[in-house]
Amino acid sequence: MSTRFFDSTAVAAQLRRSPLFSSLSDATLLDMLSHFRRETWKHGRCVTGSESEQCFHVILSGRMKVGRINPETGRMVTLFLLDQGDAFDVISLLDGKPSPVTLDAKDDLELLSTPVEEARRWIEHHPEFNYGFLPYLGRQMHLLADIAGDLALHDTETRLARLILRYVDTDNSHHSLRLIHDLSHEALGEMIGSVRVVVNRQLQHWQREGIIISHRGKLVVQELDALLKKAMHHSHNAAKKPFSGKSKNHY
């Protein structure tokens, strides 16, 4: 990790595109940045939540995976895939307790950081920050609820379809994916509570059906309507099927 000074005006313009900071005035945003320093994390760097709990971070560029690991089995589930304009750890910022998560830099990262206590003091003096912060926190809570619901209610094919649809670039007519387009099958499995071999088998099946294609290691949705049906079909079947008291666990 390295640290350095930065051009506050340029960074403020960059953060202005984030819903977390878009409601702040220029003066307030520049005052906030005066409390931060700039950091760089190399791709592949992993730290625990307890190691980073003393600082509040804002991502300027790159992707950060936030996950939980079972220390006995080594299995991981991804809770968030953060990118430009996102912040972590917002829960520790609120309650002051260490977060039992692992942070994994999926790219070279450019970050802003400040001590958590200083971030709390700044928010107390600038309550207007909450106009963006509370909706941002709400979206993260909704995402966690979606993950919990998917794991409890849907099979692997449905969970994978719903994951891909969540990241389809709706502004692109070619249905390319944001953030997850170049992730490994193992990383995709961690996002849906599955494993590499199962995700690989499902994606190959969809490629044979013409639903998705893999071009130069990047996933692209070819038939959006067909993928939507995959996401909904098993949900409807699960709702109609009576509970038998027996279940099968398929990764």
C-alpha atoms as a PDB file:
ATOM      1  CA  MET A   1       0.000   0.000   0.000  1.00  0.00           C
ATOM      2  CA  SER A   2       1.218   3.498  -0.796  1.00  0.00           C
ATOM      3  CA  THR A   3      -0.155   6.924   0.098  1.00  0.00           C
ATOM      4  CA  ARG A   4       0.101  10.314  -1.535  1.00  0.00           C
ATOM      5  CA  PHE A   5      -1.516  13.751  -1.808  1.00  0.00           C
ATOM      6  CA  PHE A   6      -4.125  14.461  -4.478  1.00  0.00           C
ATOM      7  CA  ASP A   7      -5.851  17.194  -6.428  1.00  0.00           C
ATOM      8  CA  SER A   8      -9.007  17.804  -4.373  1.00  0.00           C
ATOM      9  CA  THR A   9     -10.846  19.614  -7.178  1.00  0.00           C
ATOM     10  CA  ALA A  10     -10.305  16.783  -9.650  1.00  0.00           C
ATOM     11  CA  VAL A  11     -11.280  14.122  -7.110  1.00  0.00           C
ATOM     12  CA  ALA A  12     -14.384  16.104  -6.109  1.00  0.00           C
ATOM     13  CA  ALA A  13     -15.518  16.138  -9.740  1.00  0.00           C
ATOM     14  CA  GLN A  14     -14.955  12.380  -9.864  1.00  0.00           C
ATOM     15  CA  LEU A  15     -16.959  11.703  -6.707  1.00  0.00           C
ATOM     16  CA  ARG A  16     -19.754  13.954  -7.911  1.00  0.00           C
ATOM     17  CA  ARG A  17     -20.857  11.041 -10.138  1.00  0.00           C
ATOM     18  CA  SER A  18     -21.444   8.827  -7.102  1.00  0.00           C
ATOM     19  CA  PRO A  19     -24.937   8.807  -5.518  1.00  0.00           C
ATOM     20  CA  LEU A  20     -23.186   8.784  -2.145  1.00  0.00           C
ATOM     21  CA  PHE A  21     -21.728  12.267  -2.710  1.00  0.00           C
ATOM     22  CA  SER A  22     -23.810  13.815  -5.496  1.00  0.00           C
ATOM     23  CA  SER A  23     -26.048  15.812  -3.115  1.00  0.00           C
ATOM     24  CA  LEU A  24     -23.143  17.607  -1.405  1.00  0.00           C
ATOM     25  CA  SER A  25     -22.268  21.178  -2.261  1.00  0.00           C
ATOM     26  CA  ASP A  26     -18.841  21.876  -3.747  1.00  0.00           C
ATOM     27  CA  ALA A  27     -17.691  23.540  -0.528  1.00  0.00           C
ATOM     28  CA  THR A  28     -18.855  20.617   1.638  1.00  0.00           C
ATOM     29  CA  LEU A  29     -17.286  18.037  -0.666  1.00  0.00           C
ATOM     30  CA  LEU A  30     -13.962  19.864  -0.709  1.00  0.00           C
ATOM     31  CA  ASP A  31     -14.058  20.177   3.082  1.00  0.00           C
ATOM     32  CA  MET A  32     -14.664  16.433   3.345  1.00  0.00           C
ATOM     33  CA  LEU A  33     -11.713  15.671   1.079  1.00  0.00           C
ATOM     34  CA  SER A  34      -9.422  17.772   3.269  1.00  0.00           C
ATOM     35  CA  HIS A  35      -9.751  15.014   5.888  1.00  0.00           C
ATOM     36  CA  PHE A  36      -8.757  12.198   3.513  1.00  0.00           C
ATOM     37  CA  ARG A  37      -5.505  10.869   2.129  1.00  0.00           C
ATOM     38  CA  ARG A  38      -5.051   8.918  -1.091  1.00  0.00           C
ATOM     39  CA  GLU A  39      -4.000   5.247  -1.078  1.00  0.00           C
ATOM     40  CA  THR A  40      -3.225   2.616  -3.702  1.00  0.00           C
ATOM     41  CA  TRP A  41      -3.798  -1.119  -3.213  1.00  0.00           C
ATOM     42  CA  LYS A  42      -2.328  -3.659  -5.596  1.00  0.00           C
ATOM     43  CA  HIS A  43      -4.520  -6.199  -7.370  1.00  0.00           C
ATOM     44  CA  GLY A  44      -4.797  -9.341  -5.230  1.00  0.00           C
ATOM     45  CA  ARG A  45      -4.265  -7.662  -1.886  1.00  0.00           C
ATOM     46  CA  CYS A  46      -6.435  -9.272   0.801  1.00  0.00           C
ATOM     47  CA  VAL A  47      -7.051  -7.861   4.265  1.00  0.00           C
ATOM     48  CA  THR A  48      -9.532  -8.676   6.993  1.00  0.00           C
ATOM     49  CA  GLY A  49     -12.186  -6.264   8.168  1.00  0.00           C
ATOM     50  CA  SER A  50     -10.457  -6.030  11.543  1.00  0.00           C
ATOM     51  CA  GLU A  51      -7.264  -4.838   9.793  1.00  0.00           C
ATOM     52  CA  SER A  52      -9.083  -2.015   8.004  1.00  0.00           C
ATOM     53  CA  GLU A  53     -11.655  -1.142  10.692  1.00  0.00           C
ATOM     54  CA  GLN A  54      -9.719   1.912  11.850  1.00  0.00           C
ATOM     55  CA  CYS A  55     -10.270   3.687   8.523  1.00  0.00           C
ATOM     56  CA  PHE A  56     -13.224   4.625   6.355  1.00  0.00           C
ATOM     57  CA  HIS A  57     -12.450   4.168   2.643  1.00  0.00           C
ATOM     58  CA  VAL A  58     -13.909   5.537  -0.592  1.00  0.00           C
ATOM     59  CA  ILE A  59     -13.040   3.873  -3.913  1.00  0.00           C
ATOM     60  CA  LEU A  60     -11.850   6.133  -6.727  1.00  0.00           C
ATOM     61  CA  SER A  61     -11.100   3.368  -9.235  1.00  0.00           C
ATOM     62  CA  GLY A  62     -11.017  -0.416  -9.340  1.00  0.00           C
ATOM     63  CA  ARG A  63     -13.127  -3.183  -7.818  1.00  0.00           C
ATOM     64  CA  MET A  64     -13.168  -4.473  -4.249  1.00  0.00           C
ATOM     65  CA  LYS A  65     -14.736  -7.780  -3.219  1.00  0.00           C
ATOM     66  CA  VAL A  66     -16.196  -7.922   0.290  1.00  0.00           C
ATOM     67  CA  GLY A  67     -16.836 -11.454   1.523  1.00  0.00           C
ATOM     68  CA  ARG A  68     -17.099 -13.861   4.438  1.00  0.00           C
ATOM     69  CA  ILE A  69     -14.925 -16.966   4.812  1.00  0.00           C
ATOM     70  CA  ASN A  70     -15.623 -20.145   6.736  1.00  0.00           C
ATOM     71  CA  PRO A  71     -12.291 -20.643   8.555  1.00  0.00           C
ATOM     72  CA  GLU A  72     -12.828 -24.413   8.799  1.00  0.00           C
ATOM     73  CA  THR A  73     -13.612 -25.119   5.136  1.00  0.00           C
ATOM     74  CA  GLY A  74     -12.103 -22.083   3.414  1.00  0.00           C
ATOM     75  CA  ARG A  75     -15.318 -21.521   1.478  1.00  0.00           C
ATOM     76  CA  MET A  76     -16.244 -17.908   0.776  1.00  0.00           C
ATOM     77  CA  VAL A  77     -19.442 -16.067  -0.033  1.00  0.00           C
ATOM     78  CA  THR A  78     -19.238 -12.626  -1.635  1.00  0.00           C
ATOM     79  CA  LEU A  79     -21.452 -10.011   0.000  1.00  0.00           C
ATOM     80  CA  PHE A  80     -20.587  -6.972  -2.130  1.00  0.00           C
ATOM     81  CA  LEU A  81     -18.603  -6.171  -5.244  1.00  0.00           C
ATOM     82  CA  LEU A  82     -17.744  -2.494  -4.841  1.00  0.00           C
ATOM     83  CA  ASP A  83     -16.399  -0.081  -7.441  1.00  0.00           C
ATOM     84  CA  GLN A  84     -15.891   3.626  -8.123  1.00  0.00           C
ATOM     85  CA  GLY A  85     -17.806   5.833  -5.681  1.00  0.00           C
ATOM     86  CA  ASP A  86     -18.517   3.050  -3.176  1.00  0.00           C
ATOM     87  CA  ALA A  87     -17.366   3.176   0.445  1.00  0.00           C
ATOM     88  CA  PHE A  88     -16.403   0.619   3.084  1.00  0.00           C
ATOM     89  CA  ASP A  89     -16.955  -0.301   5.808  1.00  0.00           C
ATOM     90  CA  VAL A  90     -20.198   1.602   6.349  1.00  0.00           C
ATOM     91  CA  ILE A  91     -21.415  -0.774   9.096  1.00  0.00           C
ATOM     92  CA  SER A  92     -18.297  -0.274  11.206  1.00  0.00           C
ATOM     93  CA  LEU A  93     -18.661   3.454  10.610  1.00  0.00           C
ATOM     94  CA  LEU A  94     -22.102   3.292  12.210  1.00  0.00           C
ATOM     95  CA  ASP A  95     -21.609   0.937  15.151  1.00  0.00           C
ATOM     96  CA  GLY A  96     -17.854   1.105  15.755  1.00  0.00           C
ATOM     97  CA  LYS A  97     -17.512  -2.694  15.833  1.00  0.00           C
ATOM     98  CA  PRO A  98     -15.065  -4.737  13.729  1.00  0.00           C
ATOM     99  CA  SER A  99     -16.600  -6.348  10.667  1.00  0.00           C
ATOM    100  CA  PRO A 100     -15.894 -10.084  10.129  1.00  0.00           C
ATOM    101  CA  VAL A 101     -15.285  -9.688   6.404  1.00  0.00           C
ATOM    102  CA  THR A 102     -12.390 -10.158   4.024  1.00  0.00           C
ATOM    103  CA  LEU A 103     -11.496  -7.433   1.528  1.00  0.00           C
ATOM    104  CA  ASP A 104     -10.003  -8.546  -1.791  1.00  0.00           C
ATOM    105  CA  ALA A 105      -8.735  -6.071  -4.399  1.00  0.00           C
ATOM    106  CA  LYS A 106      -9.915  -7.389  -7.779  1.00  0.00           C
ATOM    107  CA  ASP A 107      -7.992  -4.640  -9.607  1.00  0.00           C
ATOM    108  CA  ASP A 108      -5.319  -2.112  -8.740  1.00  0.00           C
ATOM    109  CA  LEU A 109      -7.257   0.240  -6.465  1.00  0.00           C
ATOM    110  CA  GLU A 110      -7.169   4.003  -5.958  1.00  0.00           C
ATOM    111  CA  LEU A 111      -8.724   4.852  -2.598  1.00  0.00           C
ATOM    112  CA  LEU A 112      -9.373   7.687  -0.209  1.00  0.00           C
ATOM    113  CA  SER A 113      -9.097   6.922   3.494  1.00  0.00           C
ATOM    114  CA  THR A 114      -9.597   8.693   6.794  1.00  0.00           C
ATOM    115  CA  PRO A 115      -9.734   7.469  10.409  1.00  0.00           C
ATOM    116  CA  VAL A 116     -13.221   6.251  11.317  1.00  0.00           C
ATOM    117  CA  GLU A 117     -13.474   8.616  14.283  1.00  0.00           C
ATOM    118  CA  GLU A 118     -12.649  11.569  12.062  1.00  0.00           C
ATOM    119  CA  ALA A 119     -15.269  10.450   9.535  1.00  0.00           C
ATOM    120  CA  ARG A 120     -17.872  10.260  12.312  1.00  0.00           C
ATOM    121  CA  ARG A 121     -17.011  13.755  13.569  1.00  0.00           C
ATOM    122  CA  TRP A 122     -17.245  15.137  10.045  1.00  0.00           C
ATOM    123  CA  ILE A 123     -20.685  13.574   9.497  1.00  0.00           C
ATOM    124  CA  GLU A 124     -21.915  15.047  12.803  1.00  0.00           C
ATOM    125  CA  HIS A 125     -20.977  18.513  11.541  1.00  0.00           C
ATOM    126  CA  HIS A 126     -22.386  17.888   8.045  1.00  0.00           C
ATOM    127  CA  PRO A 127     -25.733  16.073   8.448  1.00  0.00           C
ATOM    128  CA  GLU A 128     -26.519  16.839   4.790  1.00  0.00           C
ATOM    129  CA  PHE A 129     -24.238  13.901   3.970  1.00  0.00           C
ATOM    130  CA  ASN A 130     -27.050  11.644   5.183  1.00  0.00           C
ATOM    131  CA  TYR A 131     -29.197  12.618   2.163  1.00  0.00           C
ATOM    132  CA  GLY A 132     -26.932  10.395   0.095  1.00  0.00           C
ATOM    133  CA  PHE A 133     -25.618   8.086   2.808  1.00  0.00           C
ATOM    134  CA  LEU A 134     -28.934   6.712   4.077  1.00  0.00           C
ATOM    135  CA  PRO A 135     -30.263   5.712   0.606  1.00  0.00           C
ATOM    136  CA  TYR A 136     -26.834   4.195  -0.117  1.00  0.00           C
ATOM    137  CA  LEU A 137     -27.014   2.167   3.081  1.00  0.00           C
ATOM    138  CA  GLY A 138     -30.559   1.137   2.168  1.00  0.00           C
ATOM    139  CA  ARG A 139     -29.406  -0.206  -1.209  1.00  0.00           C
ATOM    140  CA  GLN A 140     -26.721  -2.283   0.492  1.00  0.00           C
ATOM    141  CA  MET A 141     -29.288  -3.720   2.904  1.00  0.00           C
ATOM    142  CA  HIS A 142     -31.596  -4.578  -0.016  1.00  0.00           C
ATOM    143  CA  LEU A 143     -28.707  -6.345  -1.754  1.00  0.00           C
ATOM    144  CA  LEU A 144     -27.981  -8.425   1.352  1.00  0.00           C
ATOM    145  CA  ALA A 145     -31.679  -9.314   1.566  1.00  0.00           C
ATOM    146  CA  ASP A 146     -31.619 -10.395  -2.103  1.00  0.00           C
ATOM    147  CA  ILE A 147     -28.571 -12.597  -1.466  1.00  0.00           C
ATOM    148  CA  ALA A 148     -30.200 -14.231   1.566  1.00  0.00           C
ATOM    149  CA  GLY A 149     -33.429 -14.768  -0.356  1.00  0.00           C
ATOM    150  CA  ASP A 150     -31.657 -16.261  -3.374  1.00  0.00           C
ATOM    151  CA  LEU A 151     -29.643 -18.684  -1.225  1.00  0.00           C
ATOM    152  CA  ALA A 152     -32.727 -19.827   0.676  1.00  0.00           C
ATOM    153  CA  LEU A 153     -35.285 -19.962  -2.110  1.00  0.00           C
ATOM    154  CA  HIS A 154     -33.642 -20.619  -5.487  1.00  0.00           C
ATOM    155  CA  ASP A 155     -31.556 -23.298  -7.141  1.00  0.00           C
ATOM    156  CA  THR A 156     -28.136 -22.665  -8.663  1.00  0.00           C
ATOM    157  CA  GLU A 157     -29.346 -21.954 -12.205  1.00  0.00           C
ATOM    158  CA  THR A 158     -31.824 -19.358 -10.961  1.00  0.00           C
ATOM    159  CA  ARG A 159     -29.266 -17.734  -8.660  1.00  0.00           C
ATOM    160  CA  LEU A 160     -26.717 -17.480 -11.486  1.00  0.00           C
ATOM    161  CA  ALA A 161     -29.304 -16.025 -13.873  1.00  0.00           C
ATOM    162  CA  ARG A 162     -30.371 -13.450 -11.297  1.00  0.00           C
ATOM    163  CA  LEU A 163     -26.747 -12.522 -10.599  1.00  0.00           C
ATOM    164  CA  ILE A 164     -25.975 -11.907 -14.270  1.00  0.00           C
ATOM    165  CA  LEU A 165     -29.173  -9.899 -14.767  1.00  0.00           C
ATOM    166  CA  ARG A 166     -28.238  -7.713 -11.799  1.00  0.00           C
ATOM    167  CA  TYR A 167     -25.113  -6.603 -13.666  1.00  0.00           C
ATOM    168  CA  VAL A 168     -26.430  -6.286 -17.233  1.00  0.00           C
ATOM    169  CA  ASP A 169     -25.573  -2.875 -18.672  1.00  0.00           C
ATOM    170  CA  THR A 170     -29.019  -1.575 -19.610  1.00  0.00           C
ATOM    171  CA  ASP A 171     -27.476   1.372 -21.451  1.00  0.00           C
ATOM    172  CA  ASN A 172     -25.759  -1.007 -23.868  1.00  0.00           C
ATOM    173  CA  SER A 173     -27.806  -2.653 -26.629  1.00  0.00           C
ATOM    174  CA  HIS A 174     -25.320  -5.542 -26.745  1.00  0.00           C
ATOM    175  CA  HIS A 175     -26.189  -6.523 -23.134  1.00  0.00           C
ATOM    176  CA  SER A 176     -22.610  -6.490 -21.902  1.00  0.00           C
ATOM    177  CA  LEU A 177     -22.009  -6.898 -18.176  1.00  0.00           C
ATOM    178  CA  ARG A 178     -20.686  -4.443 -15.611  1.00  0.00           C
ATOM    179  CA  LEU A 179     -18.174  -5.408 -12.927  1.00  0.00           C
ATOM    180  CA  ILE A 180     -18.529  -9.209 -13.244  1.00  0.00           C
ATOM    181  CA  HIS A 181     -17.780  -9.499 -16.981  1.00  0.00           C
ATOM    182  CA  ASP A 182     -14.241 -10.868 -16.522  1.00  0.00           C
ATOM    183  CA  LEU A 183     -14.522 -12.627 -13.163  1.00  0.00           C
ATOM    184  CA  SER A 184     -13.435 -16.248 -12.897  1.00  0.00           C
ATOM    185  CA  HIS A 185     -16.041 -18.980 -12.555  1.00  0.00           C
ATOM    186  CA  GLU A 186     -14.802 -19.490  -9.006  1.00  0.00           C
ATOM    187  CA  ALA A 187     -15.473 -15.819  -8.206  1.00  0.00           C
ATOM    188  CA  LEU A 188     -18.955 -16.031  -9.755  1.00  0.00           C
ATOM    189  CA  GLY A 189     -19.617 -19.126  -7.652  1.00  0.00           C
ATOM    190  CA  GLU A 190     -18.679 -17.205  -4.514  1.00  0.00           C
ATOM    191  CA  MET A 191     -21.303 -14.611  -5.402  1.00  0.00           C
ATOM    192  CA  ILE A 192     -24.124 -17.184  -5.479  1.00  0.00           C
ATOM    193  CA  GLY A 193     -22.992 -19.677  -2.825  1.00  0.00           C
ATOM    194  CA  SER A 194     -21.788 -22.237  -5.344  1.00  0.00           C
ATOM    195  CA  VAL A 195     -18.493 -23.609  -6.685  1.00  0.00           C
ATOM    196  CA  ARG A 196     -16.442 -23.241  -9.865  1.00  0.00           C
ATOM    197  CA  VAL A 197     -17.308 -26.585 -11.468  1.00  0.00           C
ATOM    198  CA  VAL A 198     -21.072 -26.008 -11.133  1.00  0.00           C
ATOM    199  CA  VAL A 199     -20.899 -22.461 -12.535  1.00  0.00           C
ATOM    200  CA  ASN A 200     -18.688 -23.639 -15.404  1.00  0.00           C
ATOM    201  CA  ARG A 201     -21.145 -26.398 -16.308  1.00  0.00           C
ATOM    202  CA  GLN A 202     -24.125 -24.020 -16.211  1.00  0.00           C
ATOM    203  CA  LEU A 203     -22.428 -21.346 -18.342  1.00  0.00           C
ATOM    204  CA  GLN A 204     -21.402 -23.944 -20.937  1.00  0.00           C
ATOM    205  CA  HIS A 205     -25.004 -25.134 -21.090  1.00  0.00           C
ATOM    206  CA  TRP A 206     -26.240 -21.568 -21.654  1.00  0.00           C
ATOM    207  CA  GLN A 207     -23.621 -21.025 -24.347  1.00  0.00           C
ATOM    208  CA  ARG A 208     -24.900 -24.101 -26.210  1.00  0.00           C
ATOM    209  CA  GLU A 209     -28.409 -22.645 -25.933  1.00  0.00           C
ATOM    210  CA  GLY A 210     -27.152 -19.309 -27.309  1.00  0.00           C
ATOM    211  CA  ILE A 211     -28.176 -17.373 -24.195  1.00  0.00           C
ATOM    212  CA  ILE A 212     -24.689 -16.072 -23.419  1.00  0.00           C
ATOM    213  CA  ILE A 213     -21.357 -15.947 -25.189  1.00  0.00           C
ATOM    214  CA  SER A 214     -17.816 -15.699 -23.874  1.00  0.00           C
ATOM    215  CA  HIS A 215     -15.693 -13.365 -25.981  1.00  0.00           C
ATOM    216  CA  ARG A 216     -12.021 -13.045 -25.054  1.00  0.00           C
ATOM    217  CA  GLY A 217     -12.768 -14.172 -21.516  1.00  0.00           C
ATOM    218  CA  LYS A 218     -15.646 -11.746 -21.043  1.00  0.00           C
ATOM    219  CA  LEU A 219     -19.297 -12.736 -20.673  1.00  0.00           C
ATOM    220  CA  VAL A 220     -21.960 -11.104 -22.853  1.00  0.00           C
ATOM    221  CA  VAL A 221     -25.701 -11.818 -22.725  1.00  0.00           C
ATOM    222  CA  GLN A 222     -26.911 -12.847 -26.177  1.00  0.00           C
ATOM    223  CA  GLU A 223     -30.580 -13.565 -25.413  1.00  0.00           C
ATOM    224  CA  LEU A 224     -31.800 -11.365 -22.585  1.00  0.00           C
ATOM    225  CA  ASP A 225     -35.408 -12.612 -22.658  1.00  0.00           C
ATOM    226  CA  ALA A 226     -34.255 -16.233 -22.398  1.00  0.00           C
ATOM    227  CA  LEU A 227     -32.105 -15.386 -19.379  1.00  0.00           C
ATOM    228  CA  LEU A 228     -35.046 -13.591 -17.767  1.00  0.00           C
ATOM    229  CA  LYS A 229     -37.082 -16.778 -18.160  1.00  0.00           C
ATOM    230  CA  LYS A 230     -34.300 -18.765 -16.490  1.00  0.00           C
ATOM    231  CA  ALA A 231     -34.404 -16.358 -13.564  1.00  0.00           C
ATOM    232  CA  MET A 232     -38.177 -16.596 -13.215  1.00  0.00           C
ATOM    233  CA  HIS A 233     -38.997 -20.192 -14.238  1.00  0.00           C
ATOM    234  CA  HIS A 234     -37.583 -21.946 -11.192  1.00  0.00           C
ATOM    235  CA  SER A 235     -38.924 -19.247  -8.888  1.00  0.00           C
ATOM    236  CA  HIS A 236     -42.452 -19.989 -10.084  1.00  0.00           C
ATOM    237  CA  ASN A 237     -41.936 -23.746  -9.799  1.00  0.00           C
ATOM    238  CA  ALA A 238     -40.602 -23.389  -6.261  1.00  0.00           C
ATOM    239  CA  ALA A 239     -43.644 -21.328  -5.289  1.00  0.00           C
ATOM    240  CA  LYS A 240     -46.049 -23.962  -6.687  1.00  0.00           C
ATOM    241  CA  LYS A 241     -44.251 -27.026  -5.303  1.00  0.00           C
ATOM    242  CA  PRO A 242     -45.582 -28.134  -1.881  1.00  0.00           C
ATOM    243  CA  PHE A 243     -43.073 -28.453   0.924  1.00  0.00           C
ATOM    244  CA  SER A 244     -42.196 -32.113   1.473  1.00  0.00           C
ATOM    245  CA  GLY A 245     -39.963 -31.731   4.503  1.00  0.00           C
ATOM    246  CA  LYS A 246     -37.004 -33.002   2.478  1.00  0.00           C
ATOM    247  CA  SER A 247     -34.383 -30.997   0.693  1.00  0.00           C
ATOM    248  CA  LYS A 248     -31.287 -31.551  -1.361  1.00  0.00           C
ATOM    249  CA  ASN A 249     -28.301 -29.273  -1.155  1.00  0.00           C
ATOM    250  CA  HIS A 250     -26.786 -28.544  -4.539  1.00  0.00           C
ATOM    251  CA  TYR A 251     -23.919 -26.072  -4.705  1.00  0.00           C
END
